[in-house]
Amino acid sequence: MLLARVEGNVVATRKHPSLEGWRLLVCQPIGLAGDAEGAPQVAIDAHGAGMHQRVIISSDGAAARNAVGNDKSPVRWMVVGIVDEKEFQSSSSKFCPAMLEGSFLQPEIGSFSGAWNLGFGVCST
């Protein structure tokens, strides 16, 4: 999973049939300070993320294909949450990916019932 910022929408008049009805967003992976890190990714979005919102994107292609209901779909990235806020302990803290894992994400995977309010934590160095 990556922290990213929504940079735009993708409009495709011709696309794989499994992507019909899905919003496609251009998501720029970012660091905690908001600086771009790596190449932008196109992700499906069922949560209604807006321009310049921070989101969590997942590269779990199997979960994305399950979400669109097609095992042969070319989809790989999907928005799994909209970030509500982030939290820092100190300037010497590091982002802790383990904070993204846990019970608050597991029950929601695949349900797409709405945006999650995700908080970001840190691990002490």
N, C-alpha and C. Protein backbone atom coordinates (compact mmCIF):
# COMPACT_ATOMS: atom_id res chain seq x y z
N MET A 1 0.84 -1.18 0.00
CA MET A 1 0.00 0.00 0.00
C MET A 1 0.88 1.23 0.00
N LEU A 2 0.39 2.26 -0.67
CA LEU A 2 1.13 3.51 -0.76
C LEU A 2 0.23 4.68 -0.41
N LEU A 3 0.83 5.70 0.19
CA LEU A 3 0.17 6.97 0.37
C LEU A 3 0.30 7.71 -0.96
N ALA A 4 -0.79 8.27 -1.45
CA ALA A 4 -0.76 8.95 -2.75
C ALA A 4 -1.69 10.16 -2.73
N ARG A 5 -1.54 11.02 -3.75
CA ARG A 5 -2.40 12.18 -3.91
C ARG A 5 -3.08 12.06 -5.27
N VAL A 6 -4.39 12.31 -5.31
CA VAL A 6 -5.13 12.24 -6.57
C VAL A 6 -4.74 13.45 -7.42
N GLU A 7 -4.24 13.17 -8.62
CA GLU A 7 -3.78 14.24 -9.51
C GLU A 7 -4.68 14.43 -10.72
N GLY A 8 -5.61 13.51 -10.96
CA GLY A 8 -6.48 13.67 -12.12
C GLY A 8 -7.35 12.45 -12.35
N ASN A 9 -8.20 12.58 -13.36
CA ASN A 9 -9.08 11.49 -13.79
C ASN A 9 -8.62 10.98 -15.14
N VAL A 10 -8.91 9.73 -15.40
CA VAL A 10 -8.63 9.14 -16.71
C VAL A 10 -9.96 8.95 -17.42
N VAL A 11 -10.07 9.47 -18.63
CA VAL A 11 -11.26 9.27 -19.44
C VAL A 11 -10.86 8.35 -20.58
N ALA A 12 -11.54 7.21 -20.68
CA ALA A 12 -11.22 6.23 -21.72
C ALA A 12 -12.52 5.78 -22.38
N THR A 13 -12.68 6.13 -23.63
CA THR A 13 -13.90 5.70 -24.33
C THR A 13 -13.82 4.24 -24.70
N ARG A 14 -12.60 3.72 -24.85
CA ARG A 14 -12.39 2.29 -25.12
C ARG A 14 -11.51 1.75 -24.01
N LYS A 15 -12.02 0.75 -23.31
CA LYS A 15 -11.26 0.14 -22.22
C LYS A 15 -11.72 -1.30 -22.04
N HIS A 16 -11.01 -2.03 -21.23
CA HIS A 16 -11.37 -3.41 -20.94
C HIS A 16 -12.79 -3.42 -20.36
N PRO A 17 -13.63 -4.36 -20.78
CA PRO A 17 -15.01 -4.40 -20.29
C PRO A 17 -15.14 -4.45 -18.76
N SER A 18 -14.16 -5.00 -18.08
CA SER A 18 -14.23 -5.09 -16.61
C SER A 18 -14.13 -3.72 -15.94
N LEU A 19 -13.68 -2.72 -16.66
CA LEU A 19 -13.52 -1.38 -16.09
C LEU A 19 -14.73 -0.47 -16.33
N GLU A 20 -15.74 -1.00 -17.01
CA GLU A 20 -16.96 -0.22 -17.24
C GLU A 20 -17.59 0.16 -15.90
N GLY A 21 -17.93 1.43 -15.75
CA GLY A 21 -18.58 1.90 -14.54
C GLY A 21 -17.63 2.26 -13.41
N TRP A 22 -16.34 2.04 -13.57
CA TRP A 22 -15.36 2.37 -12.53
C TRP A 22 -14.72 3.71 -12.81
N ARG A 23 -14.52 4.52 -11.76
CA ARG A 23 -13.75 5.75 -11.89
C ARG A 23 -12.29 5.37 -11.94
N LEU A 24 -11.56 5.97 -12.85
CA LEU A 24 -10.13 5.75 -12.96
C LEU A 24 -9.42 7.04 -12.57
N LEU A 25 -8.53 6.96 -11.59
CA LEU A 25 -7.83 8.13 -11.08
C LEU A 25 -6.33 8.03 -11.31
N VAL A 26 -5.70 9.15 -11.58
CA VAL A 26 -4.25 9.23 -11.61
C VAL A 26 -3.82 9.57 -10.19
N CYS A 27 -3.07 8.65 -9.57
CA CYS A 27 -2.64 8.81 -8.18
C CYS A 27 -1.12 8.89 -8.13
N GLN A 28 -0.61 9.99 -7.59
CA GLN A 28 0.84 10.18 -7.46
C GLN A 28 1.28 9.72 -6.07
N PRO A 29 2.09 8.66 -5.98
CA PRO A 29 2.62 8.27 -4.67
C PRO A 29 3.40 9.44 -4.06
N ILE A 30 3.23 9.63 -2.75
CA ILE A 30 3.88 10.73 -2.06
C ILE A 30 4.49 10.24 -0.75
N GLY A 31 5.45 11.02 -0.25
CA GLY A 31 6.02 10.77 1.07
C GLY A 31 5.18 11.47 2.12
N LEU A 32 5.58 11.34 3.37
CA LEU A 32 4.82 11.96 4.46
C LEU A 32 4.78 13.47 4.35
N ALA A 33 5.83 14.07 3.76
CA ALA A 33 5.86 15.52 3.60
C ALA A 33 5.04 15.98 2.40
N GLY A 34 4.53 15.04 1.61
CA GLY A 34 3.71 15.39 0.45
C GLY A 34 4.48 15.47 -0.85
N ASP A 35 5.78 15.16 -0.82
CA ASP A 35 6.59 15.20 -2.03
C ASP A 35 6.37 13.94 -2.87
N ALA A 36 6.35 14.13 -4.19
CA ALA A 36 6.15 13.00 -5.11
C ALA A 36 7.27 11.98 -4.95
N GLU A 37 6.88 10.71 -4.97
CA GLU A 37 7.83 9.60 -4.89
C GLU A 37 7.44 8.55 -5.91
N GLY A 38 8.21 8.44 -6.97
CA GLY A 38 7.93 7.43 -7.96
C GLY A 38 6.96 7.91 -9.04
N ALA A 39 6.56 6.96 -9.87
CA ALA A 39 5.71 7.26 -11.02
C ALA A 39 4.24 7.26 -10.63
N PRO A 40 3.44 8.11 -11.26
CA PRO A 40 1.98 8.09 -11.02
C PRO A 40 1.39 6.75 -11.44
N GLN A 41 0.32 6.35 -10.77
CA GLN A 41 -0.37 5.09 -11.07
C GLN A 41 -1.84 5.38 -11.36
N VAL A 42 -2.43 4.59 -12.23
CA VAL A 42 -3.87 4.68 -12.48
C VAL A 42 -4.55 3.65 -11.59
N ALA A 43 -5.51 4.10 -10.79
CA ALA A 43 -6.19 3.22 -9.83
C ALA A 43 -7.70 3.34 -9.99
N ILE A 44 -8.40 2.23 -9.77
CA ILE A 44 -9.86 2.28 -9.74
C ILE A 44 -10.29 2.86 -8.40
N ASP A 45 -11.44 3.54 -8.39
CA ASP A 45 -11.88 4.20 -7.17
C ASP A 45 -13.38 4.03 -7.01
N ALA A 46 -13.78 3.44 -5.89
CA ALA A 46 -15.20 3.30 -5.57
C ALA A 46 -15.60 4.21 -4.41
N HIS A 47 -14.65 4.99 -3.92
CA HIS A 47 -14.89 5.81 -2.73
C HIS A 47 -15.23 7.25 -3.04
N GLY A 48 -14.98 7.71 -4.26
CA GLY A 48 -15.29 9.08 -4.61
C GLY A 48 -14.21 10.07 -4.19
N ALA A 49 -12.95 9.68 -4.26
CA ALA A 49 -11.86 10.58 -3.90
C ALA A 49 -11.84 11.78 -4.83
N GLY A 50 -11.56 12.94 -4.27
CA GLY A 50 -11.53 14.18 -5.04
C GLY A 50 -10.11 14.58 -5.41
N MET A 51 -10.03 15.56 -6.29
CA MET A 51 -8.73 16.07 -6.72
C MET A 51 -7.91 16.53 -5.52
N HIS A 52 -6.65 16.16 -5.52
CA HIS A 52 -5.66 16.54 -4.53
C HIS A 52 -5.90 15.94 -3.14
N GLN A 53 -6.86 15.03 -3.01
CA GLN A 53 -7.04 14.34 -1.74
C GLN A 53 -5.96 13.29 -1.58
N ARG A 54 -5.57 13.06 -0.32
CA ARG A 54 -4.63 11.98 -0.03
C ARG A 54 -5.43 10.68 0.08
N VAL A 55 -4.90 9.64 -0.53
CA VAL A 55 -5.55 8.34 -0.54
C VAL A 55 -4.52 7.25 -0.25
N ILE A 56 -5.02 6.08 0.09
CA ILE A 56 -4.19 4.89 0.19
C ILE A 56 -4.51 4.04 -1.03
N ILE A 57 -3.47 3.69 -1.78
CA ILE A 57 -3.67 2.83 -2.94
C ILE A 57 -2.97 1.50 -2.70
N SER A 58 -3.57 0.45 -3.22
CA SER A 58 -3.03 -0.89 -3.07
C SER A 58 -2.70 -1.46 -4.44
N SER A 59 -1.57 -2.15 -4.52
CA SER A 59 -1.18 -2.80 -5.77
C SER A 59 -1.54 -4.28 -5.78
N ASP A 60 -2.43 -4.68 -4.90
CA ASP A 60 -2.87 -6.08 -4.84
C ASP A 60 -3.79 -6.36 -6.03
N GLY A 61 -3.20 -6.82 -7.12
CA GLY A 61 -3.96 -7.05 -8.34
C GLY A 61 -5.08 -8.07 -8.18
N ALA A 62 -4.85 -9.08 -7.35
CA ALA A 62 -5.89 -10.10 -7.14
C ALA A 62 -7.12 -9.48 -6.48
N ALA A 63 -6.90 -8.61 -5.49
CA ALA A 63 -8.02 -7.95 -4.82
C ALA A 63 -8.72 -6.99 -5.77
N ALA A 64 -7.96 -6.29 -6.60
CA ALA A 64 -8.56 -5.37 -7.57
C ALA A 64 -9.39 -6.14 -8.60
N ARG A 65 -8.86 -7.27 -9.08
CA ARG A 65 -9.63 -8.08 -10.04
C ARG A 65 -10.88 -8.65 -9.39
N ASN A 66 -10.79 -9.01 -8.13
CA ASN A 66 -11.96 -9.48 -7.39
C ASN A 66 -13.00 -8.36 -7.28
N ALA A 67 -12.54 -7.15 -7.04
CA ALA A 67 -13.45 -6.01 -6.90
C ALA A 67 -14.22 -5.74 -8.20
N VAL A 68 -13.54 -5.89 -9.34
CA VAL A 68 -14.23 -5.64 -10.61
C VAL A 68 -14.97 -6.89 -11.09
N GLY A 69 -14.73 -8.01 -10.43
CA GLY A 69 -15.46 -9.24 -10.76
C GLY A 69 -15.00 -9.94 -12.02
N ASN A 70 -13.70 -9.81 -12.34
CA ASN A 70 -13.18 -10.44 -13.55
C ASN A 70 -11.74 -10.85 -13.31
N ASP A 71 -11.49 -12.17 -13.30
CA ASP A 71 -10.14 -12.69 -13.05
C ASP A 71 -9.15 -12.35 -14.16
N LYS A 72 -9.64 -11.96 -15.33
CA LYS A 72 -8.77 -11.64 -16.47
C LYS A 72 -8.58 -10.13 -16.65
N SER A 73 -9.12 -9.33 -15.75
CA SER A 73 -9.02 -7.88 -15.86
C SER A 73 -7.57 -7.42 -15.75
N PRO A 74 -7.19 -6.38 -16.49
CA PRO A 74 -5.83 -5.84 -16.39
C PRO A 74 -5.63 -4.91 -15.19
N VAL A 75 -6.64 -4.74 -14.36
CA VAL A 75 -6.55 -3.81 -13.24
C VAL A 75 -5.54 -4.31 -12.20
N ARG A 76 -4.77 -3.37 -11.64
CA ARG A 76 -3.81 -3.73 -10.59
C ARG A 76 -3.96 -2.82 -9.38
N TRP A 77 -4.09 -1.52 -9.58
CA TRP A 77 -4.14 -0.56 -8.47
C TRP A 77 -5.57 -0.20 -8.14
N MET A 78 -5.85 -0.02 -6.84
CA MET A 78 -7.16 0.46 -6.43
C MET A 78 -7.02 1.33 -5.19
N VAL A 79 -7.92 2.30 -5.10
CA VAL A 79 -7.99 3.15 -3.92
C VAL A 79 -8.69 2.34 -2.83
N VAL A 80 -8.01 2.15 -1.70
CA VAL A 80 -8.62 1.38 -0.61
C VAL A 80 -9.04 2.27 0.55
N GLY A 81 -8.70 3.55 0.49
CA GLY A 81 -9.12 4.46 1.54
C GLY A 81 -8.79 5.90 1.22
N ILE A 82 -9.56 6.80 1.79
CA ILE A 82 -9.30 8.24 1.70
C ILE A 82 -8.75 8.67 3.05
N VAL A 83 -7.61 9.33 3.03
CA VAL A 83 -6.95 9.73 4.27
C VAL A 83 -7.66 10.93 4.87
N ASP A 84 -8.06 10.79 6.10
CA ASP A 84 -8.72 11.87 6.82
C ASP A 84 -7.70 12.80 7.46
N GLU A 85 -6.71 12.23 8.09
CA GLU A 85 -5.68 13.03 8.74
C GLU A 85 -4.44 12.18 8.90
N LYS A 86 -3.31 12.84 9.16
CA LYS A 86 -2.08 12.12 9.48
C LYS A 86 -1.55 12.69 10.77
N GLU A 87 -0.78 11.88 11.46
CA GLU A 87 -0.32 12.25 12.79
C GLU A 87 1.16 11.96 12.91
N PHE A 88 1.91 12.86 13.52
CA PHE A 88 3.34 12.68 13.73
C PHE A 88 3.65 12.75 15.21
N GLN A 89 4.62 11.93 15.66
CA GLN A 89 5.05 12.00 17.06
C GLN A 89 6.18 13.01 17.22
N SER A 90 7.14 12.98 16.29
CA SER A 90 8.25 13.92 16.34
C SER A 90 8.91 13.97 14.98
N SER A 91 9.82 14.91 14.81
CA SER A 91 10.50 15.03 13.52
C SER A 91 11.44 13.87 13.27
N SER A 92 11.79 13.10 14.30
CA SER A 92 12.69 11.97 14.12
C SER A 92 11.93 10.66 13.93
N SER A 93 10.61 10.73 13.81
CA SER A 93 9.81 9.51 13.64
C SER A 93 9.79 9.09 12.18
N LYS A 94 9.56 7.82 11.98
CA LYS A 94 9.45 7.27 10.63
C LYS A 94 8.05 6.71 10.44
N PHE A 95 7.62 6.71 9.18
CA PHE A 95 6.33 6.11 8.84
C PHE A 95 6.39 4.62 9.11
N CYS A 96 5.35 4.08 9.66
CA CYS A 96 5.32 2.67 10.03
C CYS A 96 4.25 1.95 9.20
N PRO A 97 4.63 1.20 8.16
CA PRO A 97 3.64 0.51 7.34
C PRO A 97 2.74 -0.42 8.14
N ALA A 98 3.22 -0.91 9.28
CA ALA A 98 2.39 -1.80 10.10
C ALA A 98 1.13 -1.10 10.59
N MET A 99 1.16 0.24 10.64
CA MET A 99 -0.02 0.98 11.08
C MET A 99 -1.17 0.82 10.09
N LEU A 100 -0.83 0.52 8.82
CA LEU A 100 -1.87 0.35 7.81
C LEU A 100 -2.51 -1.02 7.90
N GLU A 101 -1.81 -1.96 8.52
CA GLU A 101 -2.33 -3.30 8.63
C GLU A 101 -3.09 -3.43 9.94
N GLY A 102 -4.11 -4.21 9.94
CA GLY A 102 -4.82 -4.39 11.19
C GLY A 102 -6.31 -4.53 10.96
N SER A 103 -6.99 -4.66 12.05
CA SER A 103 -8.41 -4.99 11.98
C SER A 103 -9.26 -3.92 11.34
N PHE A 104 -8.84 -2.63 11.38
CA PHE A 104 -9.71 -1.60 10.81
C PHE A 104 -9.79 -1.68 9.30
N LEU A 105 -8.81 -2.30 8.64
CA LEU A 105 -8.87 -2.43 7.19
C LEU A 105 -9.54 -3.74 6.77
N GLN A 106 -9.26 -4.80 7.47
CA GLN A 106 -9.69 -6.12 7.02
C GLN A 106 -11.19 -6.27 6.79
N PRO A 107 -12.08 -5.81 7.68
CA PRO A 107 -13.50 -6.04 7.44
C PRO A 107 -14.04 -5.29 6.24
N GLU A 108 -13.35 -4.25 5.81
CA GLU A 108 -13.88 -3.40 4.75
C GLU A 108 -13.45 -3.84 3.35
N ILE A 109 -12.41 -4.67 3.23
CA ILE A 109 -11.89 -5.01 1.92
C ILE A 109 -12.97 -5.68 1.08
N GLY A 110 -13.19 -5.13 -0.08
CA GLY A 110 -14.17 -5.68 -1.01
C GLY A 110 -15.57 -5.15 -0.82
N SER A 111 -15.85 -4.42 0.26
CA SER A 111 -17.22 -3.98 0.48
C SER A 111 -17.53 -2.70 -0.26
N PHE A 112 -16.57 -1.80 -0.39
CA PHE A 112 -16.72 -0.54 -1.11
C PHE A 112 -17.98 0.20 -0.71
N SER A 113 -18.27 0.24 0.57
CA SER A 113 -19.48 0.90 1.04
C SER A 113 -19.29 2.38 1.24
N GLY A 114 -18.08 2.86 1.18
CA GLY A 114 -17.84 4.29 1.36
C GLY A 114 -16.41 4.55 1.73
N ALA A 115 -16.06 5.81 1.89
CA ALA A 115 -14.68 6.18 2.20
C ALA A 115 -14.37 5.87 3.66
N TRP A 116 -13.16 5.42 3.90
CA TRP A 116 -12.72 5.19 5.26
C TRP A 116 -12.08 6.45 5.79
N ASN A 117 -12.19 6.69 7.05
CA ASN A 117 -11.44 7.75 7.70
C ASN A 117 -10.20 7.10 8.28
N LEU A 118 -9.08 7.27 7.61
CA LEU A 118 -7.84 6.62 8.02
C LEU A 118 -6.93 7.62 8.68
N GLY A 119 -6.38 7.27 9.81
CA GLY A 119 -5.36 8.09 10.44
C GLY A 119 -4.01 7.44 10.22
N PHE A 120 -2.96 8.22 10.12
CA PHE A 120 -1.63 7.68 9.97
C PHE A 120 -0.87 7.82 11.26
N GLY A 121 -0.22 6.76 11.64
CA GLY A 121 0.61 6.78 12.83
C GLY A 121 2.06 6.69 12.43
N VAL A 122 2.90 6.66 13.40
CA VAL A 122 4.34 6.57 13.15
C VAL A 122 4.94 5.58 14.12
N CYS A 123 6.13 5.10 13.78
CA CYS A 123 6.91 4.26 14.68
C CYS A 123 8.03 5.11 15.24
N SER A 124 8.30 5.01 16.49
CA SER A 124 9.42 5.76 17.08
C SER A 124 10.73 5.18 16.62
N THR A 125 11.69 6.06 16.39
CA THR A 125 13.00 5.60 15.98
C THR A 125 13.85 5.25 17.16
